[in-house]
Amino acid sequence: MKLDLLIGDTKTQFATFESDRAWLGRTAETNRELSPFYQIASTAVSRKHGVFRKFADYWYYLDEASTNGSFLNGTRLTQFRWYPLRDGDLLRMADVVFVVCLPNLSQAPSNLTIFREKKFLMVKTIEPVGRALEIGGTRSEIEDFESPSEKPSLIIEKKFDDLNAFQIDSSARLSLNGIEVLSSIVLRDRDLLMLGDLIIYFNDPARKHSSKKISEWERAFAGSSIENPEKFEQHDSGSLLNHDEQDSLIDSNLKGDNNLASETKESFFENTLSLAIFLILSLNLIGLVLYWLFS
């Protein structure tokens, strides 16, 4: 894995990771026990800002409770949580921006990587067919998962070309990218499933997914619970909205709803008037026929 430093439109090579982990921060002297440690020349960066680590075939990044935070492609990352990286990602640590270089990632096999909070648990490679993972119940692959019943809390299995996730026992809350899951879902690359204290990532960078933009709301059939509303308030293109954009979108939707209601009322009155005229003409015609027959 390689990191390029991005200043304006100019990229310069910053570091190439030879081992399976690396730390980045402002001061190397106070972090001598961490090796390799790459020093960032910025006062906004924390002494020990973040760490990179490779699990199986994929690189992840974790923010070590930095003061000014870390941002992946514009989204602020939750501290002490691993996030999978992809070639071309923009990773900002405080005011310093890096470009992630992983050119051969598309050749890596798809898998499920499972954490308990920040602790790595296991990797499951996705087979061409069949069940990939079962959590909870009598056949749980996570032994110390507190299952409320003998039925599985989560099943992930391959069906045709898709990897599907669903629950049998829904008493344990399941969320997809922060939104509660109420039905069976099809997983896509870098999807994040959370079940209790378990964090499950699906890695599938080589697959060409449908070009149709489907929001997380539609995919997860969101019902009620959102863990981070600011992070997951999205429109159909999947890009994040700031508060001004959210207000503008809400106003637009309200105006659209008002226009639709107005059009519906006008259509109702027009249809009612047409029906009344039809009935009057019909009664007049019936009266003329009866008058002709009995006169």
C-alpha atoms as a PDB file:
ATOM      1  CA  MET A   1       0.000   0.000   0.000  1.00  0.00           C
ATOM      2  CA  LYS A   2       1.167   3.525  -0.796  1.00  0.00           C
ATOM      3  CA  LEU A   3       0.112   6.967   0.400  1.00  0.00           C
ATOM      4  CA  ASP A   4       0.504  10.087  -1.728  1.00  0.00           C
ATOM      5  CA  LEU A   5       0.376  13.535  -0.162  1.00  0.00           C
ATOM      6  CA  LEU A   6      -2.097  15.806  -1.964  1.00  0.00           C
ATOM      7  CA  ILE A   7      -1.440  19.557  -1.966  1.00  0.00           C
ATOM      8  CA  GLY A   8      -3.771  21.393  -4.310  1.00  0.00           C
ATOM      9  CA  ASP A   9      -3.692  19.347  -7.508  1.00  0.00           C
ATOM     10  CA  THR A  10      -0.181  18.043  -6.900  1.00  0.00           C
ATOM     11  CA  LYS A  11       0.533  14.557  -5.576  1.00  0.00           C
ATOM     12  CA  THR A  12       3.862  13.556  -4.041  1.00  0.00           C
ATOM     13  CA  GLN A  13       4.762  10.166  -2.640  1.00  0.00           C
ATOM     14  CA  PHE A  14       4.599  10.150   1.156  1.00  0.00           C
ATOM     15  CA  ALA A  15       5.023   6.545   2.275  1.00  0.00           C
ATOM     16  CA  THR A  16       5.008   2.943   1.098  1.00  0.00           C
ATOM     17  CA  PHE A  17       4.015   0.371   3.713  1.00  0.00           C
ATOM     18  CA  GLU A  18       6.208  -2.716   3.664  1.00  0.00           C
ATOM     19  CA  SER A  19       4.693  -4.400   6.732  1.00  0.00           C
ATOM     20  CA  ASP A  20       1.038  -5.129   7.498  1.00  0.00           C
ATOM     21  CA  ARG A  21       0.592  -2.084   9.781  1.00  0.00           C
ATOM     22  CA  ALA A  22       1.759   1.500  10.108  1.00  0.00           C
ATOM     23  CA  TRP A  23       1.085   4.468  12.392  1.00  0.00           C
ATOM     24  CA  LEU A  24       0.866   8.132  11.419  1.00  0.00           C
ATOM     25  CA  GLY A  25       1.039  11.208  13.633  1.00  0.00           C
ATOM     26  CA  ARG A  26       2.745  14.459  14.452  1.00  0.00           C
ATOM     27  CA  THR A  27       5.513  13.338  16.834  1.00  0.00           C
ATOM     28  CA  ALA A  28       7.587  10.223  16.319  1.00  0.00           C
ATOM     29  CA  GLU A  29       9.693  10.688  19.479  1.00  0.00           C
ATOM     30  CA  THR A  30       6.761  10.051  21.830  1.00  0.00           C
ATOM     31  CA  ASN A  31       5.670   6.959  19.880  1.00  0.00           C
ATOM     32  CA  ARG A  32       8.910   4.997  19.629  1.00  0.00           C
ATOM     33  CA  GLU A  33       7.138   1.765  20.588  1.00  0.00           C
ATOM     34  CA  LEU A  34       5.042   2.065  17.423  1.00  0.00           C
ATOM     35  CA  SER A  35       6.912   0.935  14.342  1.00  0.00           C
ATOM     36  CA  PRO A  36       6.868   1.867  11.567  1.00  0.00           C
ATOM     37  CA  PHE A  37       5.756   5.398  12.460  1.00  0.00           C
ATOM     38  CA  TYR A  38       5.410   8.076   9.787  1.00  0.00           C
ATOM     39  CA  GLN A  39       5.635  11.669  10.952  1.00  0.00           C
ATOM     40  CA  ILE A  40       3.280  14.333   9.544  1.00  0.00           C
ATOM     41  CA  ALA A  41       4.506  17.921   9.627  1.00  0.00           C
ATOM     42  CA  SER A  42       1.305  19.621  10.785  1.00  0.00           C
ATOM     43  CA  THR A  43       0.376  21.032  14.181  1.00  0.00           C
ATOM     44  CA  ALA A  44      -3.286  20.147  13.529  1.00  0.00           C
ATOM     45  CA  VAL A  45      -2.429  16.439  13.407  1.00  0.00           C
ATOM     46  CA  SER A  46      -2.448  14.563  16.733  1.00  0.00           C
ATOM     47  CA  ARG A  47       0.676  12.944  18.138  1.00  0.00           C
ATOM     48  CA  LYS A  48      -0.738   9.495  17.364  1.00  0.00           C
ATOM     49  CA  HIS A  49      -3.433  10.280  14.843  1.00  0.00           C
ATOM     50  CA  GLY A  50      -4.273   6.986  13.149  1.00  0.00           C
ATOM     51  CA  VAL A  51      -3.145   3.501  12.235  1.00  0.00           C
ATOM     52  CA  PHE A  52      -3.261   1.433   9.033  1.00  0.00           C
ATOM     53  CA  ARG A  53      -3.488  -2.330   9.139  1.00  0.00           C
ATOM     54  CA  LYS A  54      -3.920  -5.127   6.655  1.00  0.00           C
ATOM     55  CA  PHE A  55      -6.404  -7.898   7.480  1.00  0.00           C
ATOM     56  CA  ALA A  56      -6.158 -10.769   4.985  1.00  0.00           C
ATOM     57  CA  ASP A  57      -6.138  -9.033   1.565  1.00  0.00           C
ATOM     58  CA  TYR A  58      -7.542  -5.634   2.570  1.00  0.00           C
ATOM     59  CA  TRP A  59      -6.149  -2.510   4.200  1.00  0.00           C
ATOM     60  CA  TYR A  60      -8.075  -0.693   6.931  1.00  0.00           C
ATOM     61  CA  TYR A  61      -7.665   2.623   8.730  1.00  0.00           C
ATOM     62  CA  LEU A  62      -8.547   3.479  12.353  1.00  0.00           C
ATOM     63  CA  ASP A  63      -8.589   6.930  13.955  1.00  0.00           C
ATOM     64  CA  GLU A  64      -6.854   6.832  17.345  1.00  0.00           C
ATOM     65  CA  ALA A  65      -9.108   9.408  19.037  1.00  0.00           C
ATOM     66  CA  SER A  66      -7.411  12.304  17.254  1.00  0.00           C
ATOM     67  CA  THR A  67      -8.326  15.863  18.203  1.00  0.00           C
ATOM     68  CA  ASN A  68      -9.241  17.108  14.715  1.00  0.00           C
ATOM     69  CA  GLY A  69     -10.495  13.848  13.324  1.00  0.00           C
ATOM     70  CA  SER A  70     -10.073  11.778  10.180  1.00  0.00           C
ATOM     71  CA  PHE A  71     -12.246  11.980   7.064  1.00  0.00           C
ATOM     72  CA  LEU A  72     -12.641   9.339   4.361  1.00  0.00           C
ATOM     73  CA  ASN A  73     -13.893  10.786   1.068  1.00  0.00           C
ATOM     74  CA  GLY A  74     -15.398  13.695   2.983  1.00  0.00           C
ATOM     75  CA  THR A  75     -17.141  11.698   5.729  1.00  0.00           C
ATOM     76  CA  ARG A  76     -15.879  12.003   9.308  1.00  0.00           C
ATOM     77  CA  LEU A  77     -14.846   8.639  10.712  1.00  0.00           C
ATOM     78  CA  THR A  78     -15.966   7.249  14.051  1.00  0.00           C
ATOM     79  CA  GLN A  79     -13.007   6.981  16.396  1.00  0.00           C
ATOM     80  CA  PHE A  80     -11.631   3.530  17.239  1.00  0.00           C
ATOM     81  CA  ARG A  81     -13.454   1.874  14.330  1.00  0.00           C
ATOM     82  CA  TRP A  82     -11.748   0.199  11.388  1.00  0.00           C
ATOM     83  CA  TYR A  83     -12.707   1.364   7.892  1.00  0.00           C
ATOM     84  CA  PRO A  84     -11.792  -0.495   4.659  1.00  0.00           C
ATOM     85  CA  LEU A  85      -9.794   1.426   2.065  1.00  0.00           C
ATOM     86  CA  ARG A  86      -9.947   1.431  -1.726  1.00  0.00           C
ATOM     87  CA  ASP A  87      -7.657   2.626  -4.482  1.00  0.00           C
ATOM     88  CA  GLY A  88      -8.124   6.366  -5.025  1.00  0.00           C
ATOM     89  CA  ASP A  89      -9.713   7.092  -1.630  1.00  0.00           C
ATOM     90  CA  LEU A  90      -9.070  10.543  -0.172  1.00  0.00           C
ATOM     91  CA  LEU A  91      -8.104  10.281   3.492  1.00  0.00           C
ATOM     92  CA  ARG A  92      -7.841  13.572   5.390  1.00  0.00           C
ATOM     93  CA  MET A  93      -6.110  13.599   8.754  1.00  0.00           C
ATOM     94  CA  ALA A  94      -6.901  17.001  10.300  1.00  0.00           C
ATOM     95  CA  ASP A  95      -5.723  19.390   7.548  1.00  0.00           C
ATOM     96  CA  VAL A  96      -3.507  16.928   5.652  1.00  0.00           C
ATOM     97  CA  VAL A  97      -4.928  15.024   2.685  1.00  0.00           C
ATOM     98  CA  PHE A  98      -3.608  11.709   1.378  1.00  0.00           C
ATOM     99  CA  VAL A  99      -4.510   9.666  -1.688  1.00  0.00           C
ATOM    100  CA  VAL A 100      -4.689   5.915  -1.050  1.00  0.00           C
ATOM    101  CA  CYS A 101      -2.931   3.819  -3.701  1.00  0.00           C
ATOM    102  CA  LEU A 102      -4.017   0.161  -3.913  1.00  0.00           C
ATOM    103  CA  PRO A 103      -3.740  -0.626  -7.647  1.00  0.00           C
ATOM    104  CA  ASN A 104      -4.083  -4.438  -7.433  1.00  0.00           C
ATOM    105  CA  LEU A 105      -7.006  -4.553  -5.038  1.00  0.00           C
ATOM    106  CA  SER A 106      -9.487  -5.723  -7.691  1.00  0.00           C
ATOM    107  CA  GLN A 107      -7.683  -9.089  -7.774  1.00  0.00           C
ATOM    108  CA  ALA A 108      -8.363  -9.779  -4.088  1.00  0.00           C
ATOM    109  CA  PRO A 109     -11.061 -12.365  -3.280  1.00  0.00           C
ATOM    110  CA  SER A 110     -14.310 -11.097  -1.783  1.00  0.00           C
ATOM    111  CA  ASN A 111     -14.694 -11.670   1.944  1.00  0.00           C
ATOM    112  CA  LEU A 112     -16.414 -10.748   5.178  1.00  0.00           C
ATOM    113  CA  THR A 113     -14.181  -9.171   7.830  1.00  0.00           C
ATOM    114  CA  ILE A 114     -15.559  -9.246  11.374  1.00  0.00           C
ATOM    115  CA  PHE A 115     -14.595  -7.070  14.346  1.00  0.00           C
ATOM    116  CA  ARG A 116     -15.855  -6.730  17.888  1.00  0.00           C
ATOM    117  CA  GLU A 117     -15.603  -2.976  18.261  1.00  0.00           C
ATOM    118  CA  LYS A 118     -11.918  -2.381  17.318  1.00  0.00           C
ATOM    119  CA  LYS A 119     -10.749  -5.964  17.953  1.00  0.00           C
ATOM    120  CA  PHE A 120     -10.271  -8.142  14.866  1.00  0.00           C
ATOM    121  CA  LEU A 121     -12.095 -11.487  15.092  1.00  0.00           C
ATOM    122  CA  MET A 122     -12.066 -13.345  11.782  1.00  0.00           C
ATOM    123  CA  VAL A 123     -12.229 -13.284   7.972  1.00  0.00           C
ATOM    124  CA  LYS A 124     -14.629 -15.420   5.943  1.00  0.00           C
ATOM    125  CA  THR A 125     -13.883 -15.868   2.237  1.00  0.00           C
ATOM    126  CA  ILE A 126     -16.993 -15.862   0.059  1.00  0.00           C
ATOM    127  CA  GLU A 127     -17.495 -19.145  -1.777  1.00  0.00           C
ATOM    128  CA  PRO A 128     -19.284 -19.267  -5.178  1.00  0.00           C
ATOM    129  CA  VAL A 129     -22.437 -20.762  -3.608  1.00  0.00           C
ATOM    130  CA  GLY A 130     -23.896 -21.491  -0.208  1.00  0.00           C
ATOM    131  CA  ARG A 131     -23.880 -20.002   3.258  1.00  0.00           C
ATOM    132  CA  ALA A 132     -21.049 -17.613   4.028  1.00  0.00           C
ATOM    133  CA  LEU A 133     -21.704 -16.753   7.670  1.00  0.00           C
ATOM    134  CA  GLU A 134     -24.107 -17.599  10.488  1.00  0.00           C
ATOM    135  CA  ILE A 135     -24.190 -15.685  13.778  1.00  0.00           C
ATOM    136  CA  GLY A 136     -26.375 -16.597  16.743  1.00  0.00           C
ATOM    137  CA  GLY A 137     -28.340 -19.740  17.400  1.00  0.00           C
ATOM    138  CA  THR A 138     -26.980 -23.249  17.809  1.00  0.00           C
ATOM    139  CA  ARG A 139     -24.575 -23.084  14.842  1.00  0.00           C
ATOM    140  CA  SER A 140     -23.132 -19.628  15.450  1.00  0.00           C
ATOM    141  CA  GLU A 141     -19.641 -19.087  14.058  1.00  0.00           C
ATOM    142  CA  ILE A 142     -19.018 -16.446  16.722  1.00  0.00           C
ATOM    143  CA  GLU A 143     -18.951 -18.556  19.877  1.00  0.00           C
ATOM    144  CA  ASP A 144     -19.322 -15.811  22.484  1.00  0.00           C
ATOM    145  CA  PHE A 145     -22.106 -13.958  20.683  1.00  0.00           C
ATOM    146  CA  GLU A 146     -25.004 -13.558  23.109  1.00  0.00           C
ATOM    147  CA  SER A 147     -27.875 -15.049  21.151  1.00  0.00           C
ATOM    148  CA  PRO A 148     -31.355 -14.455  22.620  1.00  0.00           C
ATOM    149  CA  SER A 149     -32.687 -17.722  21.118  1.00  0.00           C
ATOM    150  CA  GLU A 150     -31.667 -20.889  19.304  1.00  0.00           C
ATOM    151  CA  LYS A 151     -32.457 -19.262  15.964  1.00  0.00           C
ATOM    152  CA  PRO A 152     -29.690 -17.394  14.117  1.00  0.00           C
ATOM    153  CA  SER A 153     -29.598 -13.616  14.464  1.00  0.00           C
ATOM    154  CA  LEU A 154     -27.852 -13.182  11.107  1.00  0.00           C
ATOM    155  CA  ILE A 155     -27.381 -15.339   8.027  1.00  0.00           C
ATOM    156  CA  ILE A 156     -25.294 -14.268   5.048  1.00  0.00           C
ATOM    157  CA  GLU A 157     -25.365 -16.488   2.000  1.00  0.00           C
ATOM    158  CA  LYS A 158     -24.640 -16.430  -1.703  1.00  0.00           C
ATOM    159  CA  LYS A 159     -27.695 -16.568  -3.968  1.00  0.00           C
ATOM    160  CA  PHE A 160     -26.886 -16.527  -7.667  1.00  0.00           C
ATOM    161  CA  ASP A 161     -24.537 -13.539  -8.103  1.00  0.00           C
ATOM    162  CA  ASP A 162     -25.622 -11.692  -4.955  1.00  0.00           C
ATOM    163  CA  LEU A 163     -24.602 -11.938  -1.333  1.00  0.00           C
ATOM    164  CA  ASN A 164     -27.746 -11.711   0.802  1.00  0.00           C
ATOM    165  CA  ALA A 165     -28.058 -10.917   4.497  1.00  0.00           C
ATOM    166  CA  PHE A 166     -31.172 -11.599   6.586  1.00  0.00           C
ATOM    167  CA  GLN A 167     -32.347 -12.404  10.096  1.00  0.00           C
ATOM    168  CA  ILE A 168     -34.339 -15.349  11.443  1.00  0.00           C
ATOM    169  CA  ASP A 169     -34.444 -14.052  15.020  1.00  0.00           C
ATOM    170  CA  SER A 170     -34.809 -10.264  14.802  1.00  0.00           C
ATOM    171  CA  SER A 171     -34.589  -9.569  18.544  1.00  0.00           C
ATOM    172  CA  ALA A 172     -30.931  -8.560  18.052  1.00  0.00           C
ATOM    173  CA  ARG A 173     -30.826  -5.250  16.168  1.00  0.00           C
ATOM    174  CA  LEU A 174     -29.189  -5.398  12.716  1.00  0.00           C
ATOM    175  CA  SER A 175     -28.200  -2.261  10.810  1.00  0.00           C
ATOM    176  CA  LEU A 176     -26.768  -1.602   7.363  1.00  0.00           C
ATOM    177  CA  ASN A 177     -24.508   1.465   7.151  1.00  0.00           C
ATOM    178  CA  GLY A 178     -26.217   2.885  10.228  1.00  0.00           C
ATOM    179  CA  ILE A 179     -29.818   2.206   9.185  1.00  0.00           C
ATOM    180  CA  GLU A 180     -31.944  -0.516  10.761  1.00  0.00           C
ATOM    181  CA  VAL A 181     -32.561  -3.506   8.507  1.00  0.00           C
ATOM    182  CA  LEU A 182     -36.156  -4.720   8.328  1.00  0.00           C
ATOM    183  CA  SER A 183     -35.911  -7.173   5.447  1.00  0.00           C
ATOM    184  CA  SER A 184     -33.477  -9.270   3.406  1.00  0.00           C
ATOM    185  CA  ILE A 185     -30.800  -7.123   1.753  1.00  0.00           C
ATOM    186  CA  VAL A 186     -28.213  -7.531  -0.999  1.00  0.00           C
ATOM    187  CA  LEU A 187     -24.721  -6.524   0.116  1.00  0.00           C
ATOM    188  CA  ARG A 188     -22.392  -4.319  -1.897  1.00  0.00           C
ATOM    189  CA  ASP A 189     -18.699  -3.520  -1.592  1.00  0.00           C
ATOM    190  CA  ARG A 190     -17.744  -1.824   1.698  1.00  0.00           C
ATOM    191  CA  ASP A 191     -21.178  -2.294   3.238  1.00  0.00           C
ATOM    192  CA  LEU A 192     -21.087  -2.156   7.034  1.00  0.00           C
ATOM    193  CA  LEU A 193     -23.331  -4.478   9.039  1.00  0.00           C
ATOM    194  CA  MET A 194     -23.641  -4.018  12.789  1.00  0.00           C
ATOM    195  CA  LEU A 195     -25.153  -6.720  15.002  1.00  0.00           C
ATOM    196  CA  GLY A 196     -24.881  -6.064  18.726  1.00  0.00           C
ATOM    197  CA  ASP A 197     -21.213  -5.235  19.325  1.00  0.00           C
ATOM    198  CA  LEU A 198     -20.127  -6.944  16.084  1.00  0.00           C
ATOM    199  CA  ILE A 199     -18.959  -4.988  13.034  1.00  0.00           C
ATOM    200  CA  ILE A 200     -19.000  -6.830   9.702  1.00  0.00           C
ATOM    201  CA  TYR A 201     -17.587  -5.462   6.442  1.00  0.00           C
ATOM    202  CA  PHE A 202     -18.248  -6.926   3.011  1.00  0.00           C
ATOM    203  CA  ASN A 203     -15.276  -6.553   0.654  1.00  0.00           C
ATOM    204  CA  ASP A 204     -15.994  -7.016  -3.042  1.00  0.00           C
ATOM    205  CA  PRO A 205     -14.094  -4.332  -5.025  1.00  0.00           C
ATOM    206  CA  ALA A 206     -13.809  -6.354  -8.233  1.00  0.00           C
ATOM    207  CA  ARG A 207     -17.528  -6.716  -8.838  1.00  0.00           C
ATOM    208  CA  LYS A 208     -19.221  -4.255 -11.161  1.00  0.00           C
ATOM    209  CA  HIS A 209     -22.427  -3.373  -9.377  1.00  0.00           C
ATOM    210  CA  SER A 210     -25.538  -2.049 -11.038  1.00  0.00           C
ATOM    211  CA  SER A 211     -25.228   1.528 -12.254  1.00  0.00           C
ATOM    212  CA  LYS A 212     -28.593   2.357 -10.654  1.00  0.00           C
ATOM    213  CA  LYS A 213     -28.140   4.552  -7.591  1.00  0.00           C
ATOM    214  CA  ILE A 214     -30.145   3.010  -4.746  1.00  0.00           C
ATOM    215  CA  SER A 215     -30.181   4.884  -1.475  1.00  0.00           C
ATOM    216  CA  GLU A 216     -29.428   3.141   1.826  1.00  0.00           C
ATOM    217  CA  TRP A 217     -33.029   3.966   2.822  1.00  0.00           C
ATOM    218  CA  GLU A 218     -34.379   1.877  -0.050  1.00  0.00           C
ATOM    219  CA  ARG A 219     -31.931  -0.987   0.411  1.00  0.00           C
ATOM    220  CA  ALA A 220     -32.417  -1.398   4.141  1.00  0.00           C
ATOM    221  CA  PHE A 221     -36.146  -0.575   4.174  1.00  0.00           C
ATOM    222  CA  ALA A 222     -35.327   1.867   6.951  1.00  0.00           C
ATOM    223  CA  GLY A 223     -37.888   1.865   9.717  1.00  0.00           C
ATOM    224  CA  SER A 224     -36.949   3.991  12.664  1.00  0.00           C
ATOM    225  CA  SER A 225     -33.460   3.900  14.079  1.00  0.00           C
ATOM    226  CA  ILE A 226     -30.476   5.800  12.677  1.00  0.00           C
ATOM    227  CA  GLU A 227     -27.201   5.717  14.587  1.00  0.00           C
ATOM    228  CA  ASN A 228     -25.700   8.867  13.094  1.00  0.00           C
ATOM    229  CA  PRO A 229     -28.296  11.099  11.401  1.00  0.00           C
ATOM    230  CA  GLU A 230     -25.764  13.710  10.288  1.00  0.00           C
ATOM    231  CA  LYS A 231     -23.688  11.046   8.584  1.00  0.00           C
ATOM    232  CA  PHE A 232     -26.472   9.179   6.859  1.00  0.00           C
ATOM    233  CA  GLU A 233     -28.839  11.935   5.699  1.00  0.00           C
ATOM    234  CA  GLN A 234     -28.521  11.198   1.980  1.00  0.00           C
ATOM    235  CA  HIS A 235     -30.290  11.783  -1.267  1.00  0.00           C
ATOM    236  CA  ASP A 236     -30.667   9.215  -4.039  1.00  0.00           C
ATOM    237  CA  SER A 237     -27.198   9.795  -5.476  1.00  0.00           C
ATOM    238  CA  GLY A 238     -25.718   8.550  -2.207  1.00  0.00           C
ATOM    239  CA  SER A 239     -23.674  11.725  -1.552  1.00  0.00           C
ATOM    240  CA  LEU A 240     -23.803  13.397   1.833  1.00  0.00           C
ATOM    241  CA  LEU A 241     -25.675  16.660   2.288  1.00  0.00           C
ATOM    242  CA  ASN A 242     -24.737  19.537   4.525  1.00  0.00           C
ATOM    243  CA  HIS A 243     -27.461  21.215   6.587  1.00  0.00           C
ATOM    244  CA  ASP A 244     -28.110  23.983   4.032  1.00  0.00           C
ATOM    245  CA  GLU A 245     -28.523  21.414   1.285  1.00  0.00           C
ATOM    246  CA  GLN A 246     -30.795  19.353   3.534  1.00  0.00           C
ATOM    247  CA  ASP A 247     -33.011  22.406   4.222  1.00  0.00           C
ATOM    248  CA  SER A 248     -33.103  23.212   0.511  1.00  0.00           C
ATOM    249  CA  LEU A 249     -34.061  19.634  -0.324  1.00  0.00           C
ATOM    250  CA  ILE A 250     -36.785  19.633   2.354  1.00  0.00           C
ATOM    251  CA  ASP A 251     -38.192  22.955   1.070  1.00  0.00           C
ATOM    252  CA  SER A 252     -38.159  21.595  -2.453  1.00  0.00           C
ATOM    253  CA  ASN A 253     -39.968  18.451  -1.373  1.00  0.00           C
ATOM    254  CA  LEU A 254     -42.554  20.479   0.571  1.00  0.00           C
ATOM    255  CA  LYS A 255     -43.179  22.721  -2.435  1.00  0.00           C
ATOM    256  CA  GLY A 256     -43.522  19.646  -4.591  1.00  0.00           C
ATOM    257  CA  ASP A 257     -45.998  18.131  -2.138  1.00  0.00           C
ATOM    258  CA  ASN A 258     -48.037  21.372  -2.055  1.00  0.00           C
ATOM    259  CA  ASN A 259     -48.102  21.570  -5.847  1.00  0.00           C
ATOM    260  CA  LEU A 260     -49.161  17.947  -6.037  1.00  0.00           C
ATOM    261  CA  ALA A 261     -51.942  18.526  -3.497  1.00  0.00           C
ATOM    262  CA  SER A 262     -53.152  21.586  -5.440  1.00  0.00           C
ATOM    263  CA  GLU A 263     -53.129  19.673  -8.715  1.00  0.00           C
ATOM    264  CA  THR A 264     -55.005  16.798  -7.055  1.00  0.00           C
ATOM    265  CA  LYS A 265     -57.743  19.154  -5.767  1.00  0.00           C
ATOM    266  CA  GLU A 266     -58.145  20.804  -9.193  1.00  0.00           C
ATOM    267  CA  SER A 267     -58.370  17.410 -10.865  1.00  0.00           C
ATOM    268  CA  PHE A 268     -60.999  16.277  -8.337  1.00  0.00           C
ATOM    269  CA  PHE A 269     -63.227  19.323  -8.968  1.00  0.00           C
ATOM    270  CA  GLU A 270     -62.908  18.972 -12.740  1.00  0.00           C
ATOM    271  CA  ASN A 271     -63.864  15.298 -12.608  1.00  0.00           C
ATOM    272  CA  THR A 272     -66.820  16.033 -10.289  1.00  0.00           C
ATOM    273  CA  LEU A 273     -68.099  18.785 -12.573  1.00  0.00           C
ATOM    274  CA  SER A 274     -67.793  16.561 -15.635  1.00  0.00           C
ATOM    275  CA  LEU A 275     -69.719  13.792 -13.883  1.00  0.00           C
ATOM    276  CA  ALA A 276     -72.514  16.201 -12.840  1.00  0.00           C
ATOM    277  CA  ILE A 277     -72.906  17.516 -16.402  1.00  0.00           C
ATOM    278  CA  PHE A 278     -73.007  13.971 -17.729  1.00  0.00           C
ATOM    279  CA  LEU A 279     -75.732  12.977 -15.260  1.00  0.00           C
ATOM    280  CA  ILE A 280     -77.870  16.058 -16.106  1.00  0.00           C
ATOM    281  CA  LEU A 281     -77.599  15.401 -19.839  1.00  0.00           C
ATOM    282  CA  SER A 282     -78.398  11.721 -19.312  1.00  0.00           C
ATOM    283  CA  LEU A 283     -81.533  12.546 -17.260  1.00  0.00           C
ATOM    284  CA  ASN A 284     -82.692  15.020 -19.892  1.00  0.00           C
ATOM    285  CA  LEU A 285     -82.205  12.441 -22.617  1.00  0.00           C
ATOM    286  CA  ILE A 286     -84.133   9.797 -20.626  1.00  0.00           C
ATOM    287  CA  GLY A 287     -86.966  12.315 -20.077  1.00  0.00           C
ATOM    288  CA  LEU A 288     -87.174  13.066 -23.800  1.00  0.00           C
ATOM    289  CA  VAL A 289     -87.295   9.353 -24.656  1.00  0.00           C
ATOM    290  CA  LEU A 290     -90.048   8.682 -22.126  1.00  0.00           C
ATOM    291  CA  TYR A 291     -92.028  11.697 -23.337  1.00  0.00           C
ATOM    292  CA  TRP A 292     -91.779  10.450 -26.945  1.00  0.00           C
ATOM    293  CA  LEU A 293     -92.860   6.914 -25.974  1.00  0.00           C
ATOM    294  CA  PHE A 294     -95.951   7.881 -23.974  1.00  0.00           C
ATOM    295  CA  SER A 295     -97.122  10.963 -25.846  1.00  0.00           C
END
